[in-house]
Each structure stands twice: as C-alpha cells, then as structure tokens.
C-alpha atoms as a PDB file:
ATOM      1  CA  MET A   1      13.468  21.920 -36.020  1.00  0.00           C
ATOM      2  CA  PHE A   2      15.890  24.673 -34.969  1.00  0.00           C
ATOM      3  CA  ALA A   3      18.529  22.062 -34.007  1.00  0.00           C
ATOM      4  CA  VAL A   4      18.237  20.360 -37.402  1.00  0.00           C
ATOM      5  CA  LEU A   5      18.471  23.718 -39.208  1.00  0.00           C
ATOM      6  CA  ALA A   6      21.489  24.621 -37.089  1.00  0.00           C
ATOM      7  CA  ALA A   7      23.214  21.344 -37.988  1.00  0.00           C
ATOM      8  CA  VAL A   8      22.511  21.825 -41.692  1.00  0.00           C
ATOM      9  CA  SER A   9      23.687  25.450 -41.527  1.00  0.00           C
ATOM     10  CA  TRP A  10      26.871  24.483 -39.687  1.00  0.00           C
ATOM     11  CA  GLY A  11      27.659  21.707 -42.174  1.00  0.00           C
ATOM     12  CA  LEU A  12      27.115  24.023 -45.115  1.00  0.00           C
ATOM     13  CA  PHE A  13      29.099  26.807 -43.460  1.00  0.00           C
ATOM     14  CA  THR A  14      32.117  24.634 -42.632  1.00  0.00           C
ATOM     15  CA  ASN A  15      32.325  23.244 -46.142  1.00  0.00           C
ATOM     16  CA  LEU A  16      31.885  26.580 -47.896  1.00  0.00           C
ATOM     17  CA  ILE A  17      34.399  28.366 -45.665  1.00  0.00           C
ATOM     18  CA  LYS A  18      37.092  25.906 -46.756  1.00  0.00           C
ATOM     19  CA  LYS A  19      36.747  27.332 -50.287  1.00  0.00           C
ATOM     20  CA  ASN A  20      37.046  30.919 -49.034  1.00  0.00           C
ATOM     21  CA  GLN A  21      40.138  32.613 -50.435  1.00  0.00           C
ATOM     22  CA  LYS A  22      39.500  36.077 -48.949  1.00  0.00           C
ATOM     23  CA  ASP A  23      41.208  37.663 -45.958  1.00  0.00           C
ATOM     24  CA  ILE A  24      40.334  35.737 -42.793  1.00  0.00           C
ATOM     25  CA  LEU A  25      39.669  38.821 -40.652  1.00  0.00           C
ATOM     26  CA  VAL A  26      37.367  40.396 -43.236  1.00  0.00           C
ATOM     27  CA  SER A  27      35.603  37.052 -43.687  1.00  0.00           C
ATOM     28  CA  THR A  28      35.116  36.647 -39.938  1.00  0.00           C
ATOM     29  CA  PHE A  29      33.710  40.167 -39.679  1.00  0.00           C
ATOM     30  CA  PHE A  30      31.315  39.583 -42.594  1.00  0.00           C
ATOM     31  CA  ILE A  31      30.155  36.220 -41.205  1.00  0.00           C
ATOM     32  CA  THR A  32      29.604  37.780 -37.773  1.00  0.00           C
ATOM     33  CA  ILE A  33      27.468  40.570 -39.256  1.00  0.00           C
ATOM     34  CA  VAL A  34      25.404  38.103 -41.314  1.00  0.00           C
ATOM     35  CA  ALA A  35      24.947  35.851 -38.258  1.00  0.00           C
ATOM     36  CA  PHE A  36      23.834  38.847 -36.201  1.00  0.00           C
ATOM     37  CA  VAL A  37      21.247  39.901 -38.771  1.00  0.00           C
ATOM     38  CA  LEU A  38      19.911  36.335 -39.101  1.00  0.00           C
ATOM     39  CA  SER A  39      19.792  35.967 -35.299  1.00  0.00           C
ATOM     40  CA  VAL A  40      17.823  39.182 -34.921  1.00  0.00           C
ATOM     41  CA  GLY A  41      15.387  38.003 -37.587  1.00  0.00           C
ATOM     42  CA  ALA A  42      14.961  34.596 -35.935  1.00  0.00           C
ATOM     43  CA  ASN A  43      14.424  36.195 -32.530  1.00  0.00           C
ATOM     44  CA  LEU A  44      11.832  38.597 -33.892  1.00  0.00           C
ATOM     45  CA  ALA A  45      10.026  35.726 -35.601  1.00  0.00           C
ATOM     46  CA  SER A  46      10.029  33.332 -32.656  1.00  0.00           C
ATOM     47  CA  SER A  47      10.282  35.393 -29.459  1.00  0.00           C
ATOM     48  CA  ARG A  48       8.696  38.291 -27.695  1.00  0.00           C
ATOM     49  CA  PHE A  49      10.702  41.457 -27.186  1.00  0.00           C
ATOM     50  CA  ILE A  50      11.986  42.381 -23.725  1.00  0.00           C
ATOM     51  CA  ILE A  51      14.204  45.303 -22.854  1.00  0.00           C
ATOM     52  CA  PRO A  52      17.724  43.983 -22.261  1.00  0.00           C
ATOM     53  CA  GLN A  53      19.462  44.709 -18.977  1.00  0.00           C
ATOM     54  CA  LYS A  54      23.022  46.017 -18.702  1.00  0.00           C
ATOM     55  CA  THR A  55      24.333  42.569 -17.743  1.00  0.00           C
ATOM     56  CA  ASP A  56      22.746  41.088 -20.893  1.00  0.00           C
ATOM     57  CA  PHE A  57      25.111  43.183 -22.986  1.00  0.00           C
ATOM     58  CA  TYR A  58      28.106  41.824 -21.053  1.00  0.00           C
ATOM     59  CA  GLY A  59      26.909  38.301 -21.840  1.00  0.00           C
ATOM     60  CA  VAL A  60      26.494  39.090 -25.526  1.00  0.00           C
ATOM     61  CA  LEU A  61      29.941  40.713 -25.616  1.00  0.00           C
ATOM     62  CA  TRP A  62      31.539  37.677 -23.913  1.00  0.00           C
ATOM     63  CA  LEU A  63      29.827  35.204 -26.266  1.00  0.00           C
ATOM     64  CA  SER A  64      30.644  37.303 -29.303  1.00  0.00           C
ATOM     65  CA  MET A  65      34.324  37.603 -28.511  1.00  0.00           C
ATOM     66  CA  SER A  66      34.985  34.122 -27.119  1.00  0.00           C
ATOM     67  CA  ASN A  67      32.723  32.000 -29.267  1.00  0.00           C
ATOM     68  CA  ILE A  68      32.215  33.827 -32.517  1.00  0.00           C
ATOM     69  CA  VAL A  69      35.252  36.031 -33.108  1.00  0.00           C
ATOM     70  CA  LEU A  70      38.003  33.979 -31.423  1.00  0.00           C
ATOM     71  CA  GLY A  71      36.376  30.603 -32.130  1.00  0.00           C
ATOM     72  CA  PHE A  72      35.769  31.299 -35.827  1.00  0.00           C
ATOM     73  CA  PHE A  73      39.217  32.806 -36.260  1.00  0.00           C
ATOM     74  CA  LEU A  74      40.894  29.715 -34.781  1.00  0.00           C
ATOM     75  CA  TYR A  75      38.589  27.424 -36.743  1.00  0.00           C
ATOM     76  CA  PHE A  76      39.390  29.171 -40.034  1.00  0.00           C
ATOM     77  CA  ARG A  77      43.105  29.046 -39.308  1.00  0.00           C
ATOM     78  CA  ALA A  78      42.860  25.318 -38.612  1.00  0.00           C
ATOM     79  CA  LEU A  79      40.960  24.785 -41.876  1.00  0.00           C
ATOM     80  CA  LYS A  80      43.694  26.619 -43.745  1.00  0.00           C
ATOM     81  CA  TYR A  81      46.377  24.186 -42.550  1.00  0.00           C
ATOM     82  CA  SER A  82      44.432  20.915 -42.289  1.00  0.00           C
ATOM     83  CA  SER A  83      41.771  18.956 -44.106  1.00  0.00           C
ATOM     84  CA  ALA A  84      38.140  19.779 -43.398  1.00  0.00           C
ATOM     85  CA  SER A  85      37.445  16.185 -42.347  1.00  0.00           C
ATOM     86  CA  LEU A  86      40.193  16.297 -39.708  1.00  0.00           C
ATOM     87  CA  ILE A  87      38.969  19.598 -38.283  1.00  0.00           C
ATOM     88  CA  ALA A  88      35.367  18.335 -38.327  1.00  0.00           C
ATOM     89  CA  SER A  89      36.526  15.372 -36.225  1.00  0.00           C
ATOM     90  CA  PHE A  90      37.689  17.733 -33.514  1.00  0.00           C
ATOM     91  CA  THR A  91      34.262  19.338 -33.300  1.00  0.00           C
ATOM     92  CA  PHE A  92      33.070  16.082 -31.725  1.00  0.00           C
ATOM     93  CA  PHE A  93      35.010  17.084 -28.616  1.00  0.00           C
ATOM     94  CA  THR A  94      32.914  20.203 -28.063  1.00  0.00           C
ATOM     95  CA  PRO A  95      30.105  18.363 -26.229  1.00  0.00           C
ATOM     96  CA  PHE A  96      32.694  16.524 -24.108  1.00  0.00           C
ATOM     97  CA  VAL A  97      34.396  19.762 -23.098  1.00  0.00           C
ATOM     98  CA  THR A  98      30.965  21.251 -22.381  1.00  0.00           C
ATOM     99  CA  LEU A  99      30.177  18.340 -20.045  1.00  0.00           C
ATOM    100  CA  ILE A 100      33.417  18.949 -18.172  1.00  0.00           C
ATOM    101  CA  PHE A 101      32.566  22.633 -17.748  1.00  0.00           C
ATOM    102  CA  ILE A 102      29.040  21.780 -16.602  1.00  0.00           C
ATOM    103  CA  VAL A 103      30.458  19.584 -13.842  1.00  0.00           C
ATOM    104  CA  LEU A 104      33.296  21.936 -12.840  1.00  0.00           C
ATOM    105  CA  LEU A 105      31.637  25.333 -13.181  1.00  0.00           C
ATOM    106  CA  LEU A 106      27.971  24.588 -12.490  1.00  0.00           C
ATOM    107  CA  GLY A 107      28.407  21.709 -10.069  1.00  0.00           C
ATOM    108  CA  GLU A 108      25.832  19.534 -11.825  1.00  0.00           C
ATOM    109  CA  LYS A 109      26.039  15.766 -11.536  1.00  0.00           C
ATOM    110  CA  LEU A 110      26.258  13.703 -14.676  1.00  0.00           C
ATOM    111  CA  THR A 111      23.697  11.021 -15.399  1.00  0.00           C
ATOM    112  CA  VAL A 112      24.519   7.568 -16.747  1.00  0.00           C
ATOM    113  CA  THR A 113      23.429   8.759 -20.187  1.00  0.00           C
ATOM    114  CA  ASP A 114      25.835  11.717 -19.966  1.00  0.00           C
ATOM    115  CA  CYS A 115      28.703   9.381 -19.079  1.00  0.00           C
ATOM    116  CA  LEU A 116      27.867   7.003 -21.943  1.00  0.00           C
ATOM    117  CA  ALA A 117      27.713   9.938 -24.345  1.00  0.00           C
ATOM    118  CA  ALA A 118      31.099  11.169 -23.102  1.00  0.00           C
ATOM    119  CA  ILE A 119      32.606   7.713 -23.678  1.00  0.00           C
ATOM    120  CA  LEU A 120      31.191   7.628 -27.204  1.00  0.00           C
ATOM    121  CA  ILE A 121      32.625  11.079 -27.889  1.00  0.00           C
ATOM    122  CA  ILE A 122      36.065  10.165 -26.537  1.00  0.00           C
ATOM    123  CA  PHE A 123      36.328   7.038 -28.665  1.00  0.00           C
ATOM    124  CA  SER A 124      34.591   8.321 -31.818  1.00  0.00           C
ATOM    125  CA  VAL A 125      37.597  10.024 -33.407  1.00  0.00           C
ATOM    126  CA  PRO A 126      40.091   7.181 -32.784  1.00  0.00           C
ATOM    127  CA  ILE A 127      37.561   4.660 -34.119  1.00  0.00           C
ATOM    128  CA  GLN A 128      37.041   6.857 -37.183  1.00  0.00           C
ATOM    129  CA  LYS A 129      40.797   7.034 -37.769  1.00  0.00           C
ATOM    130  CA  VAL A 130      41.158   3.244 -37.475  1.00  0.00           C
ATOM    131  CA  GLY A 131      38.321   2.855 -39.976  1.00  0.00           C
ATOM    132  CA  ASN A 132      40.096   5.205 -42.378  1.00  0.00           C
ATOM    133  CA  LEU A 133      43.328   3.220 -42.068  1.00  0.00           C
ATOM    134  CA  VAL A 134      41.510  -0.073 -42.720  1.00  0.00           C
ATOM    135  CA  SER A 135      39.773   1.298 -45.808  1.00  0.00           C
ATOM    136  CA  LYS A 136      43.102   2.678 -47.131  1.00  0.00           C
ATOM    137  CA  LYS A 137      44.690  -0.756 -46.689  1.00  0.00           C
ATOM    138  CA  ASP A 138      41.757  -2.355 -48.491  1.00  0.00           C
ATOM    139  CA  GLU A 139      42.176   0.096 -51.372  1.00  0.00           C
ATOM    140  CA  GLN A 140      45.883  -0.684 -51.593  1.00  0.00           C
ATOM    141  CA  LEU A 141      45.190  -4.411 -51.659  1.00  0.00           C
ATOM    142  CA  LEU A 142      42.638  -3.976 -54.447  1.00  0.00           C
ATOM    143  CA  ASN A 143      45.063  -1.917 -56.553  1.00  0.00           C
END
C-alpha cells in the first residue's frame, strides 16, 4: 500500500512541479519541509518511537542533502529545460544504478530475476523512443 501511494505521490509531484513558476530554491525548500512533516506523521502513525543515535542524524543529513536537496534541484533544473516525458524516462535508470551500487558497495550477488530486470530497464527507454518515432511516422502518413 505504501509503495502504491508513493508511486501515485511521485507521479502527481512530477507533473505538478513542471507547472511551478516560482524560484527553484524556494520551491525545493518548501517541498523538503512538507515532505519532512508528512514523513514524521507517517512514522508516528505506523512506527514505534525510538531515541535516535548520533549516527542516525548523519544518515538523515546525508540522505537529505544527496537525495532530496541535490536530487530535487537537479530534477527541477532538468524539467525546466526538457519535456516531462523525457525526464520521466530517465527515472527508469534509477533501479539499474541502484543494482550496480548494491553489487559494488554491498557485495551482494544478483539473482537471475535481478539481471532480467536490469535488461528490461536498459532497453525500456530505447524501445519507448522507437515506439514514439513509429507513432509519429504513422501520424504523418495519416495527415
């Protein structure tokens, strides 16, 4: 249920942010604050409270800066200069990059299913682009 809600939230977020005409830094700050408040609420509703350790704060700081602040900033900049559908295509590579990091940094071995998923990810964007070209040619032939 949480994964489905996350997918719906991400889809809504990425489409609404394309319409955003405000300053990108202010927008990123506001989105980060809203995400923090919603995360705290979700954690309170679905988890039990434990006292965080000092190293937990380093992890939160790292994730906040690398994933949320830097990631959102770069994502918003890309949306400003490219179409949302093109940028959305690149998000398919996130799981592939994650698999590479799992193998390199954690030393885990990939299963056959992981390899098949990686192959699907690698070829999904080129196949999508070929499909777009074919449908454009079909439209031109009909006109």
